[in-house]
Structure formats: C-alpha cells, structure tokens
mmCIF file of all heavy atoms, coordinates in Angstrom:
data_MODEL
# 
_entry.id   MODEL 
# 
loop_
_atom_site.group_PDB 
_atom_site.id 
_atom_site.type_symbol 
_atom_site.label_atom_id 
_atom_site.label_alt_id 
_atom_site.label_comp_id 
_atom_site.label_asym_id 
_atom_site.label_entity_id 
_atom_site.label_seq_id 
_atom_site.pdbx_PDB_ins_code 
_atom_site.Cartn_x 
_atom_site.Cartn_y 
_atom_site.Cartn_z 
_atom_site.occupancy 
_atom_site.B_iso_or_equiv 
_atom_site.pdbx_formal_charge 
_atom_site.auth_seq_id 
_atom_site.auth_comp_id 
_atom_site.auth_asym_id 
_atom_site.auth_atom_id 
_atom_site.pdbx_PDB_model_num 
ATOM 1   N N   . HIS A 1 1  ? 29.080 27.580 20.290 1.00 0.00 ? 1  HIS A N   1 
ATOM 2   C CA  . HIS A 1 1  ? 28.243 28.622 20.837 1.00 0.00 ? 1  HIS A CA  1 
ATOM 3   C C   . HIS A 1 1  ? 27.100 28.083 21.688 1.00 0.00 ? 1  HIS A C   1 
ATOM 4   O O   . HIS A 1 1  ? 26.757 28.682 22.718 1.00 0.00 ? 1  HIS A O   1 
ATOM 5   C CB  . HIS A 1 1  ? 27.689 29.508 19.694 1.00 0.00 ? 1  HIS A CB  1 
ATOM 6   C CG  . HIS A 1 1  ? 28.687 30.413 19.092 1.00 0.00 ? 1  HIS A CG  1 
ATOM 7   N ND1 . HIS A 1 1  ? 29.304 31.449 19.767 1.00 0.00 ? 1  HIS A ND1 1 
ATOM 8   C CD2 . HIS A 1 1  ? 29.280 30.482 17.825 1.00 0.00 ? 1  HIS A CD2 1 
ATOM 9   C CE1 . HIS A 1 1  ? 30.179 32.069 19.004 1.00 0.00 ? 1  HIS A CE1 1 
ATOM 10  N NE2 . HIS A 1 1  ? 30.153 31.475 17.817 1.00 0.00 ? 1  HIS A NE2 1 
ATOM 11  N N   . ARG A 1 2  ? 26.464 27.002 21.228 1.00 0.00 ? 2  ARG A N   1 
ATOM 12  C CA  . ARG A 1 2  ? 25.456 26.371 22.066 1.00 0.00 ? 2  ARG A CA  1 
ATOM 13  C C   . ARG A 1 2  ? 25.992 25.955 23.387 1.00 0.00 ? 2  ARG A C   1 
ATOM 14  O O   . ARG A 1 2  ? 25.415 26.146 24.415 1.00 0.00 ? 2  ARG A O   1 
ATOM 15  C CB  . ARG A 1 2  ? 24.838 25.192 21.305 1.00 0.00 ? 2  ARG A CB  1 
ATOM 16  C CG  . ARG A 1 2  ? 24.085 25.530 20.052 1.00 0.00 ? 2  ARG A CG  1 
ATOM 17  C CD  . ARG A 1 2  ? 23.204 24.405 19.575 1.00 0.00 ? 2  ARG A CD  1 
ATOM 18  N NE  . ARG A 1 2  ? 23.928 23.187 19.231 1.00 0.00 ? 2  ARG A NE  1 
ATOM 19  C CZ  . ARG A 1 2  ? 23.792 22.039 19.922 1.00 0.00 ? 2  ARG A CZ  1 
ATOM 20  N NH1 . ARG A 1 2  ? 23.052 21.996 21.014 1.00 0.00 ? 2  ARG A NH1 1 
ATOM 21  N NH2 . ARG A 1 2  ? 24.479 20.961 19.596 1.00 0.00 ? 2  ARG A NH2 1 
ATOM 22  N N   . LEU A 1 3  ? 27.219 25.338 23.363 1.00 0.00 ? 3  LEU A N   1 
ATOM 23  C CA  . LEU A 1 3  ? 27.819 24.904 24.603 1.00 0.00 ? 3  LEU A CA  1 
ATOM 24  C C   . LEU A 1 3  ? 28.202 26.091 25.470 1.00 0.00 ? 3  LEU A C   1 
ATOM 25  O O   . LEU A 1 3  ? 28.104 25.997 26.712 1.00 0.00 ? 3  LEU A O   1 
ATOM 26  C CB  . LEU A 1 3  ? 29.094 24.099 24.228 1.00 0.00 ? 3  LEU A CB  1 
ATOM 27  C CG  . LEU A 1 3  ? 29.634 23.084 25.270 1.00 0.00 ? 3  LEU A CG  1 
ATOM 28  C CD1 . LEU A 1 3  ? 28.517 22.056 25.647 1.00 0.00 ? 3  LEU A CD1 1 
ATOM 29  C CD2 . LEU A 1 3  ? 30.845 22.360 24.703 1.00 0.00 ? 3  LEU A CD2 1 
ATOM 30  N N   . LEU A 1 4  ? 28.572 27.216 24.916 1.00 0.00 ? 4  LEU A N   1 
ATOM 31  C CA  . LEU A 1 4  ? 28.874 28.403 25.691 1.00 0.00 ? 4  LEU A CA  1 
ATOM 32  C C   . LEU A 1 4  ? 27.643 28.932 26.418 1.00 0.00 ? 4  LEU A C   1 
ATOM 33  O O   . LEU A 1 4  ? 27.736 29.447 27.550 1.00 0.00 ? 4  LEU A O   1 
ATOM 34  C CB  . LEU A 1 4  ? 29.497 29.484 24.785 1.00 0.00 ? 4  LEU A CB  1 
ATOM 35  C CG  . LEU A 1 4  ? 30.973 29.264 24.477 1.00 0.00 ? 4  LEU A CG  1 
ATOM 36  C CD1 . LEU A 1 4  ? 31.400 30.157 23.266 1.00 0.00 ? 4  LEU A CD1 1 
ATOM 37  C CD2 . LEU A 1 4  ? 31.861 29.570 25.659 1.00 0.00 ? 4  LEU A CD2 1 
ATOM 38  N N   . HIS A 1 5  ? 26.489 28.799 25.818 1.00 0.00 ? 5  HIS A N   1 
ATOM 39  C CA  . HIS A 1 5  ? 25.258 29.252 26.510 1.00 0.00 ? 5  HIS A CA  1 
ATOM 40  C C   . HIS A 1 5  ? 24.951 28.318 27.695 1.00 0.00 ? 5  HIS A C   1 
ATOM 41  O O   . HIS A 1 5  ? 24.519 28.800 28.712 1.00 0.00 ? 5  HIS A O   1 
ATOM 42  C CB  . HIS A 1 5  ? 24.088 29.293 25.530 1.00 0.00 ? 5  HIS A CB  1 
ATOM 43  C CG  . HIS A 1 5  ? 24.016 30.559 24.734 1.00 0.00 ? 5  HIS A CG  1 
ATOM 44  N ND1 . HIS A 1 5  ? 23.469 31.683 25.287 1.00 0.00 ? 5  HIS A ND1 1 
ATOM 45  C CD2 . HIS A 1 5  ? 24.422 30.915 23.511 1.00 0.00 ? 5  HIS A CD2 1 
ATOM 46  C CE1 . HIS A 1 5  ? 23.523 32.710 24.391 1.00 0.00 ? 5  HIS A CE1 1 
ATOM 47  N NE2 . HIS A 1 5  ? 24.124 32.240 23.322 1.00 0.00 ? 5  HIS A NE2 1 
ATOM 48  N N   . PHE A 1 6  ? 25.191 27.014 27.477 1.00 0.00 ? 6  PHE A N   1 
ATOM 49  C CA  . PHE A 1 6  ? 25.080 26.093 28.630 1.00 0.00 ? 6  PHE A CA  1 
ATOM 50  C C   . PHE A 1 6  ? 26.033 26.469 29.719 1.00 0.00 ? 6  PHE A C   1 
ATOM 51  O O   . PHE A 1 6  ? 25.671 26.497 30.926 1.00 0.00 ? 6  PHE A O   1 
ATOM 52  C CB  . PHE A 1 6  ? 25.301 24.654 28.095 1.00 0.00 ? 6  PHE A CB  1 
ATOM 53  C CG  . PHE A 1 6  ? 25.496 23.694 29.187 1.00 0.00 ? 6  PHE A CG  1 
ATOM 54  C CD1 . PHE A 1 6  ? 24.509 23.384 30.119 1.00 0.00 ? 6  PHE A CD1 1 
ATOM 55  C CD2 . PHE A 1 6  ? 26.755 23.035 29.333 1.00 0.00 ? 6  PHE A CD2 1 
ATOM 56  C CE1 . PHE A 1 6  ? 24.709 22.446 31.159 1.00 0.00 ? 6  PHE A CE1 1 
ATOM 57  C CE2 . PHE A 1 6  ? 26.965 22.129 30.367 1.00 0.00 ? 6  PHE A CE2 1 
ATOM 58  C CZ  . PHE A 1 6  ? 25.929 21.830 31.293 1.00 0.00 ? 6  PHE A CZ  1 
ATOM 59  N N   . ALA A 1 7  ? 27.322 26.784 29.313 1.00 0.00 ? 7  ALA A N   1 
ATOM 60  C CA  . ALA A 1 7  ? 28.328 27.093 30.337 1.00 0.00 ? 7  ALA A CA  1 
ATOM 61  C C   . ALA A 1 7  ? 27.929 28.371 31.073 1.00 0.00 ? 7  ALA A C   1 
ATOM 62  O O   . ALA A 1 7  ? 28.276 28.519 32.278 1.00 0.00 ? 7  ALA A O   1 
ATOM 63  C CB  . ALA A 1 7  ? 29.646 27.286 29.630 1.00 0.00 ? 7  ALA A CB  1 
ATOM 64  N N   . LYS A 1 8  ? 27.259 29.311 30.435 1.00 0.00 ? 8  LYS A N   1 
ATOM 65  C CA  . LYS A 1 8  ? 26.849 30.565 31.113 1.00 0.00 ? 8  LYS A CA  1 
ATOM 66  C C   . LYS A 1 8  ? 25.890 30.223 32.240 1.00 0.00 ? 8  LYS A C   1 
ATOM 67  O O   . LYS A 1 8  ? 26.011 30.810 33.316 1.00 0.00 ? 8  LYS A O   1 
ATOM 68  C CB  . LYS A 1 8  ? 26.212 31.509 30.132 1.00 0.00 ? 8  LYS A CB  1 
ATOM 69  C CG  . LYS A 1 8  ? 25.756 32.835 30.713 1.00 0.00 ? 8  LYS A CG  1 
ATOM 70  C CD  . LYS A 1 8  ? 25.130 33.685 29.639 1.00 0.00 ? 8  LYS A CD  1 
ATOM 71  C CE  . LYS A 1 8  ? 24.726 35.060 30.203 1.00 0.00 ? 8  LYS A CE  1 
ATOM 72  N NZ  . LYS A 1 8  ? 23.627 34.898 31.223 1.00 0.00 ? 8  LYS A NZ  1 
ATOM 73  N N   . GLU A 1 9  ? 25.025 29.256 32.039 1.00 0.00 ? 9  GLU A N   1 
ATOM 74  C CA  . GLU A 1 9  ? 24.067 28.874 33.100 1.00 0.00 ? 9  GLU A CA  1 
ATOM 75  C C   . GLU A 1 9  ? 24.791 28.218 34.317 1.00 0.00 ? 9  GLU A C   1 
ATOM 76  O O   . GLU A 1 9  ? 24.328 28.313 35.413 1.00 0.00 ? 9  GLU A O   1 
ATOM 77  C CB  . GLU A 1 9  ? 23.088 27.842 32.565 1.00 0.00 ? 9  GLU A CB  1 
ATOM 78  C CG  . GLU A 1 9  ? 22.053 28.428 31.575 1.00 0.00 ? 9  GLU A CG  1 
ATOM 79  C CD  . GLU A 1 9  ? 21.013 27.457 31.211 1.00 0.00 ? 9  GLU A CD  1 
ATOM 80  O OE1 . GLU A 1 9  ? 21.226 26.230 31.503 1.00 0.00 ? 9  GLU A OE1 1 
ATOM 81  O OE2 . GLU A 1 9  ? 20.036 27.826 30.595 1.00 0.00 ? 9  GLU A OE2 1 
ATOM 82  N N   . GLN A 1 10 ? 25.991 27.711 34.034 1.00 0.00 ? 10 GLN A N   1 
ATOM 83  C CA  . GLN A 1 10 ? 26.801 27.076 35.040 1.00 0.00 ? 10 GLN A CA  1 
ATOM 84  C C   . GLN A 1 10 ? 27.882 27.946 35.642 1.00 0.00 ? 10 GLN A C   1 
ATOM 85  O O   . GLN A 1 10 ? 28.743 27.543 36.377 1.00 0.00 ? 10 GLN A O   1 
ATOM 86  C CB  . GLN A 1 10 ? 27.438 25.728 34.525 1.00 0.00 ? 10 GLN A CB  1 
ATOM 87  C CG  . GLN A 1 10 ? 26.489 24.871 33.836 1.00 0.00 ? 10 GLN A CG  1 
ATOM 88  C CD  . GLN A 1 10 ? 25.369 24.352 34.704 1.00 0.00 ? 10 GLN A CD  1 
ATOM 89  O OE1 . GLN A 1 10 ? 25.632 23.958 35.877 1.00 0.00 ? 10 GLN A OE1 1 
ATOM 90  N NE2 . GLN A 1 10 ? 24.159 24.321 34.241 1.00 0.00 ? 10 GLN A NE2 1 
ATOM 91  N N   . ASP A 1 11 ? 27.878 29.259 35.251 1.00 0.00 ? 11 ASP A N   1 
ATOM 92  C CA  . ASP A 1 11 ? 28.877 30.227 35.599 1.00 0.00 ? 11 ASP A CA  1 
ATOM 93  C C   . ASP A 1 11 ? 30.277 29.775 35.197 1.00 0.00 ? 11 ASP A C   1 
ATOM 94  O O   . ASP A 1 11 ? 31.240 30.039 35.931 1.00 0.00 ? 11 ASP A O   1 
ATOM 95  C CB  . ASP A 1 11 ? 28.841 30.446 37.154 1.00 0.00 ? 11 ASP A CB  1 
ATOM 96  C CG  . ASP A 1 11 ? 27.533 31.120 37.561 1.00 0.00 ? 11 ASP A CG  1 
ATOM 97  O OD1 . ASP A 1 11 ? 27.072 31.984 36.837 1.00 0.00 ? 11 ASP A OD1 1 
ATOM 98  O OD2 . ASP A 1 11 ? 27.073 30.769 38.686 1.00 0.00 ? 11 ASP A OD2 1 
ATOM 99  N N   . ARG A 1 12 ? 30.390 29.128 34.044 1.00 0.00 ? 12 ARG A N   1 
ATOM 100 C CA  . ARG A 1 12 ? 31.702 28.665 33.568 1.00 0.00 ? 12 ARG A CA  1 
ATOM 101 C C   . ARG A 1 12 ? 31.926 29.168 32.117 1.00 0.00 ? 12 ARG A C   1 
ATOM 102 O O   . ARG A 1 12 ? 32.778 28.601 31.417 1.00 0.00 ? 12 ARG A O   1 
ATOM 103 C CB  . ARG A 1 12 ? 31.824 27.147 33.618 1.00 0.00 ? 12 ARG A CB  1 
ATOM 104 C CG  . ARG A 1 12 ? 31.457 26.503 34.905 1.00 0.00 ? 12 ARG A CG  1 
ATOM 105 C CD  . ARG A 1 12 ? 32.323 26.966 36.090 1.00 0.00 ? 12 ARG A CD  1 
ATOM 106 N NE  . ARG A 1 12 ? 33.740 26.601 35.935 1.00 0.00 ? 12 ARG A NE  1 
ATOM 107 C CZ  . ARG A 1 12 ? 34.680 26.996 36.763 1.00 0.00 ? 12 ARG A CZ  1 
ATOM 108 N NH1 . ARG A 1 12 ? 34.376 27.751 37.806 1.00 0.00 ? 12 ARG A NH1 1 
ATOM 109 N NH2 . ARG A 1 12 ? 35.930 26.568 36.616 1.00 0.00 ? 12 ARG A NH2 1 
ATOM 110 N N   . GLN A 1 13 ? 31.253 30.202 31.751 1.00 0.00 ? 13 GLN A N   1 
ATOM 111 C CA  . GLN A 1 13 ? 31.329 30.643 30.368 1.00 0.00 ? 13 GLN A CA  1 
ATOM 112 C C   . GLN A 1 13 ? 32.727 31.151 29.996 1.00 0.00 ? 13 GLN A C   1 
ATOM 113 O O   . GLN A 1 13 ? 33.268 30.819 28.970 1.00 0.00 ? 13 GLN A O   1 
ATOM 114 C CB  . GLN A 1 13 ? 30.292 31.696 30.034 1.00 0.00 ? 13 GLN A CB  1 
ATOM 115 C CG  . GLN A 1 13 ? 30.148 32.050 28.575 1.00 0.00 ? 13 GLN A CG  1 
ATOM 116 C CD  . GLN A 1 13 ? 29.143 33.173 28.365 1.00 0.00 ? 13 GLN A CD  1 
ATOM 117 O OE1 . GLN A 1 13 ? 29.169 34.205 29.027 1.00 0.00 ? 13 GLN A OE1 1 
ATOM 118 N NE2 . GLN A 1 13 ? 28.316 33.004 27.356 1.00 0.00 ? 13 GLN A NE2 1 
ATOM 119 N N   . ASP A 1 14 ? 33.306 31.987 30.846 1.00 0.00 ? 14 ASP A N   1 
ATOM 120 C CA  . ASP A 1 14 ? 34.597 32.540 30.504 1.00 0.00 ? 14 ASP A CA  1 
ATOM 121 C C   . ASP A 1 14 ? 35.635 31.481 30.479 1.00 0.00 ? 14 ASP A C   1 
ATOM 122 O O   . ASP A 1 14 ? 36.538 31.498 29.590 1.00 0.00 ? 14 ASP A O   1 
ATOM 123 C CB  . ASP A 1 14 ? 34.991 33.647 31.534 1.00 0.00 ? 14 ASP A CB  1 
ATOM 124 C CG  . ASP A 1 14 ? 36.225 34.407 31.106 1.00 0.00 ? 14 ASP A CG  1 
ATOM 125 O OD1 . ASP A 1 14 ? 36.036 35.208 30.101 1.00 0.00 ? 14 ASP A OD1 1 
ATOM 126 O OD2 . ASP A 1 14 ? 37.287 34.206 31.659 1.00 0.00 ? 14 ASP A OD2 1 
ATOM 127 N N   . GLU A 1 15 ? 35.580 30.489 31.406 1.00 0.00 ? 15 GLU A N   1 
ATOM 128 C CA  . GLU A 1 15 ? 36.518 29.425 31.382 1.00 0.00 ? 15 GLU A CA  1 
ATOM 129 C C   . GLU A 1 15 ? 36.453 28.601 30.086 1.00 0.00 ? 15 GLU A C   1 
ATOM 130 O O   . GLU A 1 15 ? 37.478 28.200 29.499 1.00 0.00 ? 15 GLU A O   1 
ATOM 131 C CB  . GLU A 1 15 ? 36.311 28.474 32.560 1.00 0.00 ? 15 GLU A CB  1 
ATOM 132 C CG  . GLU A 1 15 ? 36.672 29.102 33.963 1.00 0.00 ? 15 GLU A CG  1 
ATOM 133 C CD  . GLU A 1 15 ? 35.590 29.965 34.476 1.00 0.00 ? 15 GLU A CD  1 
ATOM 134 O OE1 . GLU A 1 15 ? 34.544 30.169 33.841 1.00 0.00 ? 15 GLU A OE1 1 
ATOM 135 O OE2 . GLU A 1 15 ? 35.767 30.496 35.600 1.00 0.00 ? 15 GLU A OE2 1 
ATOM 136 N N   . LEU A 1 16 ? 35.220 28.374 29.641 1.00 0.00 ? 16 LEU A N   1 
ATOM 137 C CA  . LEU A 1 16 ? 35.056 27.594 28.397 1.00 0.00 ? 16 LEU A CA  1 
ATOM 138 C C   . LEU A 1 16 ? 35.510 28.326 27.169 1.00 0.00 ? 16 LEU A C   1 
ATOM 139 O O   . LEU A 1 16 ? 36.214 27.784 26.330 1.00 0.00 ? 16 LEU A O   1 
ATOM 140 C CB  . LEU A 1 16 ? 33.600 27.168 28.220 1.00 0.00 ? 16 LEU A CB  1 
ATOM 141 C CG  . LEU A 1 16 ? 33.302 26.321 26.942 1.00 0.00 ? 16 LEU A CG  1 
ATOM 142 C CD1 . LEU A 1 16 ? 34.178 25.081 26.934 1.00 0.00 ? 16 LEU A CD1 1 
ATOM 143 C CD2 . LEU A 1 16 ? 31.851 25.963 26.863 1.00 0.00 ? 16 LEU A CD2 1 
ATOM 144 N N   . ILE A 1 17 ? 35.154 29.606 27.051 1.00 0.00 ? 17 ILE A N   1 
ATOM 145 C CA  . ILE A 1 17 ? 35.565 30.368 25.835 1.00 0.00 ? 17 ILE A CA  1 
ATOM 146 C C   . ILE A 1 17 ? 37.069 30.496 25.779 1.00 0.00 ? 17 ILE A C   1 
ATOM 147 O O   . ILE A 1 17 ? 37.666 30.359 24.678 1.00 0.00 ? 17 ILE A O   1 
ATOM 148 C CB  . ILE A 1 17 ? 34.849 31.741 25.752 1.00 0.00 ? 17 ILE A CB  1 
ATOM 149 C CG1 . ILE A 1 17 ? 34.941 32.217 24.277 1.00 0.00 ? 17 ILE A CG1 1 
ATOM 150 C CG2 . ILE A 1 17 ? 35.412 32.747 26.733 1.00 0.00 ? 17 ILE A CG2 1 
ATOM 151 C CD1 . ILE A 1 17 ? 34.044 33.411 24.038 1.00 0.00 ? 17 ILE A CD1 1 
ATOM 152 N N   . GLN A 1 18 ? 37.739 30.687 26.937 1.00 0.00 ? 18 GLN A N   1 
ATOM 153 C CA  . GLN A 1 18 ? 39.175 30.753 26.918 1.00 0.00 ? 18 GLN A CA  1 
ATOM 154 C C   . GLN A 1 18 ? 39.803 29.451 26.499 1.00 0.00 ? 18 GLN A C   1 
ATOM 155 O O   . GLN A 1 18 ? 40.769 29.395 25.780 1.00 0.00 ? 18 GLN A O   1 
ATOM 156 C CB  . GLN A 1 18 ? 39.640 31.181 28.293 1.00 0.00 ? 18 GLN A CB  1 
ATOM 157 C CG  . GLN A 1 18 ? 41.144 31.587 28.325 1.00 0.00 ? 18 GLN A CG  1 
ATOM 158 C CD  . GLN A 1 18 ? 41.485 32.751 27.364 1.00 0.00 ? 18 GLN A CD  1 
ATOM 159 O OE1 . GLN A 1 18 ? 40.683 33.647 27.192 1.00 0.00 ? 18 GLN A OE1 1 
ATOM 160 N NE2 . GLN A 1 18 ? 42.681 32.664 26.752 1.00 0.00 ? 18 GLN A NE2 1 
ATOM 161 N N   . GLY A 1 19 ? 39.200 28.323 26.981 1.00 0.00 ? 19 GLY A N   1 
ATOM 162 C CA  . GLY A 1 19 ? 39.709 27.044 26.612 1.00 0.00 ? 19 GLY A CA  1 
ATOM 163 C C   . GLY A 1 19 ? 39.472 26.741 25.138 1.00 0.00 ? 19 GLY A C   1 
ATOM 164 O O   . GLY A 1 19 ? 40.390 26.163 24.464 1.00 0.00 ? 19 GLY A O   1 
ATOM 165 N N   . LEU A 1 20 ? 38.374 27.188 24.580 1.00 0.00 ? 20 LEU A N   1 
ATOM 166 C CA  . LEU A 1 20 ? 38.122 26.987 23.164 1.00 0.00 ? 20 LEU A CA  1 
ATOM 167 C C   . LEU A 1 20 ? 39.089 27.820 22.320 1.00 0.00 ? 20 LEU A C   1 
ATOM 168 O O   . LEU A 1 20 ? 39.658 27.356 21.300 1.00 0.00 ? 20 LEU A O   1 
ATOM 169 C CB  . LEU A 1 20 ? 36.697 27.387 22.790 1.00 0.00 ? 20 LEU A CB  1 
ATOM 170 C CG  . LEU A 1 20 ? 35.635 26.374 23.322 1.00 0.00 ? 20 LEU A CG  1 
ATOM 171 C CD1 . LEU A 1 20 ? 34.203 27.048 23.203 1.00 0.00 ? 20 LEU A CD1 1 
ATOM 172 C CD2 . LEU A 1 20 ? 35.671 25.109 22.594 1.00 0.00 ? 20 LEU A CD2 1 
ATOM 173 N N   . TYR A 1 21 ? 39.336 29.074 22.712 1.00 0.00 ? 21 TYR A N   1 
ATOM 174 C CA  . TYR A 1 21 ? 40.310 29.885 22.010 1.00 0.00 ? 21 TYR A CA  1 
ATOM 175 C C   . TYR A 1 21 ? 41.721 29.231 21.982 1.00 0.00 ? 21 TYR A C   1 
ATOM 176 O O   . TYR A 1 21 ? 42.347 29.166 20.948 1.00 0.00 ? 21 TYR A O   1 
ATOM 177 C CB  . TYR A 1 21 ? 40.384 31.285 22.688 1.00 0.00 ? 21 TYR A CB  1 
ATOM 178 C CG  . TYR A 1 21 ? 39.346 32.283 22.278 1.00 0.00 ? 21 TYR A CG  1 
ATOM 179 C CD1 . TYR A 1 21 ? 38.833 33.144 23.246 1.00 0.00 ? 21 TYR A CD1 1 
ATOM 180 C CD2 . TYR A 1 21 ? 38.870 32.382 20.980 1.00 0.00 ? 21 TYR A CD2 1 
ATOM 181 C CE1 . TYR A 1 21 ? 37.866 34.068 22.902 1.00 0.00 ? 21 TYR A CE1 1 
ATOM 182 C CE2 . TYR A 1 21 ? 37.900 33.274 20.637 1.00 0.00 ? 21 TYR A CE2 1 
ATOM 183 C CZ  . TYR A 1 21 ? 37.372 34.137 21.613 1.00 0.00 ? 21 TYR A CZ  1 
ATOM 184 O OH  . TYR A 1 21 ? 36.440 35.051 21.259 1.00 0.00 ? 21 TYR A OH  1 
ATOM 185 N N   . LYS A 1 22 ? 42.137 28.836 23.159 1.00 0.00 ? 22 LYS A N   1 
ATOM 186 C CA  . LYS A 1 22 ? 43.462 28.255 23.312 1.00 0.00 ? 22 LYS A CA  1 
ATOM 187 C C   . LYS A 1 22 ? 43.559 27.014 22.475 1.00 0.00 ? 22 LYS A C   1 
ATOM 188 O O   . LYS A 1 22 ? 44.548 26.783 21.713 1.00 0.00 ? 22 LYS A O   1 
ATOM 189 C CB  . LYS A 1 22 ? 43.800 27.894 24.750 1.00 0.00 ? 22 LYS A CB  1 
ATOM 190 C CG  . LYS A 1 22 ? 45.180 27.370 24.929 1.00 0.00 ? 22 LYS A CG  1 
ATOM 191 C CD  . LYS A 1 22 ? 45.405 27.030 26.435 1.00 0.00 ? 22 LYS A CD  1 
ATOM 192 C CE  . LYS A 1 22 ? 46.801 26.392 26.601 1.00 0.00 ? 22 LYS A CE  1 
ATOM 193 N NZ  . LYS A 1 22 ? 47.031 26.031 28.002 1.00 0.00 ? 22 LYS A NZ  1 
ATOM 194 N N   . ALA A 1 23 ? 42.548 26.162 22.461 1.00 0.00 ? 23 ALA A N   1 
ATOM 195 C CA  . ALA A 1 23 ? 42.571 24.929 21.687 1.00 0.00 ? 23 ALA A CA  1 
ATOM 196 C C   . ALA A 1 23 ? 42.641 25.225 20.190 1.00 0.00 ? 23 ALA A C   1 
ATOM 197 O O   . ALA A 1 23 ? 43.335 24.561 19.461 1.00 0.00 ? 23 ALA A O   1 
ATOM 198 C CB  . ALA A 1 23 ? 41.330 24.096 22.021 1.00 0.00 ? 23 ALA A CB  1 
ATOM 199 N N   . ASN A 1 24 ? 41.848 26.218 19.764 1.00 0.00 ? 24 ASN A N   1 
ATOM 200 C CA  . ASN A 1 24 ? 41.769 26.549 18.317 1.00 0.00 ? 24 ASN A CA  1 
ATOM 201 C C   . ASN A 1 24 ? 43.039 27.220 17.822 1.00 0.00 ? 24 ASN A C   1 
ATOM 202 O O   . ASN A 1 24 ? 43.473 26.935 16.708 1.00 0.00 ? 24 ASN A O   1 
ATOM 203 C CB  . ASN A 1 24 ? 40.559 27.413 18.031 1.00 0.00 ? 24 ASN A CB  1 
ATOM 204 C CG  . ASN A 1 24 ? 40.396 27.648 16.562 1.00 0.00 ? 24 ASN A CG  1 
ATOM 205 O OD1 . ASN A 1 24 ? 40.587 26.788 15.736 1.00 0.00 ? 24 ASN A OD1 1 
ATOM 206 N ND2 . ASN A 1 24 ? 39.956 28.877 16.194 1.00 0.00 ? 24 ASN A ND2 1 
ATOM 207 N N   . PHE A 1 25 ? 43.576 28.169 18.591 1.00 0.00 ? 25 PHE A N   1 
ATOM 208 C CA  . PHE A 1 25 ? 44.686 28.969 18.101 1.00 0.00 ? 25 PHE A CA  1 
ATOM 209 C C   . PHE A 1 25 ? 46.048 28.526 18.542 1.00 0.00 ? 25 PHE A C   1 
ATOM 210 O O   . PHE A 1 25 ? 47.057 28.897 17.904 1.00 0.00 ? 25 PHE A O   1 
ATOM 211 C CB  . PHE A 1 25 ? 44.453 30.432 18.472 1.00 0.00 ? 25 PHE A CB  1 
ATOM 212 C CG  . PHE A 1 25 ? 43.247 31.052 17.803 1.00 0.00 ? 25 PHE A CG  1 
ATOM 213 C CD1 . PHE A 1 25 ? 42.138 31.348 18.514 1.00 0.00 ? 25 PHE A CD1 1 
ATOM 214 C CD2 . PHE A 1 25 ? 43.301 31.351 16.466 1.00 0.00 ? 25 PHE A CD2 1 
ATOM 215 C CE1 . PHE A 1 25 ? 41.007 31.893 17.892 1.00 0.00 ? 25 PHE A CE1 1 
ATOM 216 C CE2 . PHE A 1 25 ? 42.233 31.890 15.763 1.00 0.00 ? 25 PHE A CE2 1 
ATOM 217 C CZ  . PHE A 1 25 ? 41.034 32.219 16.523 1.00 0.00 ? 25 PHE A CZ  1 
ATOM 218 N N   . ALA A 1 26 ? 46.142 27.754 19.586 1.00 0.00 ? 26 ALA A N   1 
ATOM 219 C CA  . ALA A 1 26 ? 47.452 27.438 20.125 1.00 0.00 ? 26 ALA A CA  1 
ATOM 220 C C   . ALA A 1 26 ? 47.833 25.962 20.177 1.00 0.00 ? 26 ALA A C   1 
ATOM 221 O O   . ALA A 1 26 ? 48.999 25.592 20.233 1.00 0.00 ? 26 ALA A O   1 
ATOM 222 C CB  . ALA A 1 26 ? 47.616 28.006 21.551 1.00 0.00 ? 26 ALA A CB  1 
ATOM 223 N N   . GLU A 1 27 ? 46.831 25.114 20.089 1.00 0.00 ? 27 GLU A N   1 
ATOM 224 C CA  . GLU A 1 27 ? 47.092 23.668 20.244 1.00 0.00 ? 27 GLU A CA  1 
ATOM 225 C C   . GLU A 1 27 ? 47.015 22.924 18.873 1.00 0.00 ? 27 GLU A C   1 
ATOM 226 O O   . GLU A 1 27 ? 46.341 23.375 17.961 1.00 0.00 ? 27 GLU A O   1 
ATOM 227 C CB  . GLU A 1 27 ? 46.096 23.068 21.255 1.00 0.00 ? 27 GLU A CB  1 
ATOM 228 C CG  . GLU A 1 27 ? 46.241 23.623 22.628 1.00 0.00 ? 27 GLU A CG  1 
ATOM 229 C CD  . GLU A 1 27 ? 45.220 23.072 23.630 1.00 0.00 ? 27 GLU A CD  1 
ATOM 230 O OE1 . GLU A 1 27 ? 44.435 22.174 23.217 1.00 0.00 ? 27 GLU A OE1 1 
ATOM 231 O OE2 . GLU A 1 27 ? 45.264 23.543 24.775 1.00 0.00 ? 27 GLU A OE2 1 
ATOM 232 N N   . GLU A 1 28 ? 47.697 21.826 18.801 1.00 0.00 ? 28 GLU A N   1 
ATOM 233 C CA  . GLU A 1 28 ? 47.737 21.069 17.556 1.00 0.00 ? 28 GLU A CA  1 
ATOM 234 C C   . GLU A 1 28 ? 46.428 20.335 17.219 1.00 0.00 ? 28 GLU A C   1 
ATOM 235 O O   . GLU A 1 28 ? 46.055 20.205 16.094 1.00 0.00 ? 28 GLU A O   1 
ATOM 236 C CB  . GLU A 1 28 ? 48.877 20.055 17.588 1.00 0.00 ? 28 GLU A CB  1 
ATOM 237 C CG  . GLU A 1 28 ? 50.265 20.687 17.519 1.00 0.00 ? 28 GLU A CG  1 
ATOM 238 C CD  . GLU A 1 28 ? 51.383 19.657 17.374 1.00 0.00 ? 28 GLU A CD  1 
ATOM 239 O OE1 . GLU A 1 28 ? 51.066 18.507 17.015 1.00 0.00 ? 28 GLU A OE1 1 
ATOM 240 O OE2 . GLU A 1 28 ? 52.525 20.045 17.556 1.00 0.00 ? 28 GLU A OE2 1 
ATOM 241 N N   . ARG A 1 29 ? 45.785 19.819 18.246 1.00 0.00 ? 29 ARG A N   1 
ATOM 242 C CA  . ARG A 1 29 ? 44.487 19.120 18.005 1.00 0.00 ? 29 ARG A CA  1 
ATOM 243 C C   . ARG A 1 29 ? 43.420 20.076 17.592 1.00 0.00 ? 29 ARG A C   1 
ATOM 244 O O   . ARG A 1 29 ? 43.304 21.167 18.098 1.00 0.00 ? 29 ARG A O   1 
ATOM 245 C CB  . ARG A 1 29 ? 44.092 18.361 19.280 1.00 0.00 ? 29 ARG A CB  1 
ATOM 246 C CG  . ARG A 1 29 ? 45.052 17.260 19.680 1.00 0.00 ? 29 ARG A CG  1 
ATOM 247 C CD  . ARG A 1 29 ? 44.587 16.594 20.982 1.00 0.00 ? 29 ARG A CD  1 
ATOM 248 N NE  . ARG A 1 29 ? 43.215 16.054 20.846 1.00 0.00 ? 29 ARG A NE  1 
ATOM 249 C CZ  . ARG A 1 29 ? 42.483 15.679 21.893 1.00 0.00 ? 29 ARG A CZ  1 
ATOM 250 N NH1 . ARG A 1 29 ? 42.935 15.838 23.135 1.00 0.00 ? 29 ARG A NH1 1 
ATOM 251 N NH2 . ARG A 1 29 ? 41.296 15.184 21.682 1.00 0.00 ? 29 ARG A NH2 1 
# 
C-alpha cells in the first residue's frame, strides 16, 4: 500500500495494483 501511494504520484498506480493482483493470485512466486 505504501508503494501504491508512491505509484500514484508517478501516475502508475493502476499499473502497479494490477501487477500486484496478478502476482498474488495468478503467479507461482
């Protein structure tokens, strides 16, 4: 969540949250 707030400042919040979701729910790592 802290990283997502940083990403918001860089206009990359949606890209990061989608990547985190995919990593958590779909990937083995």
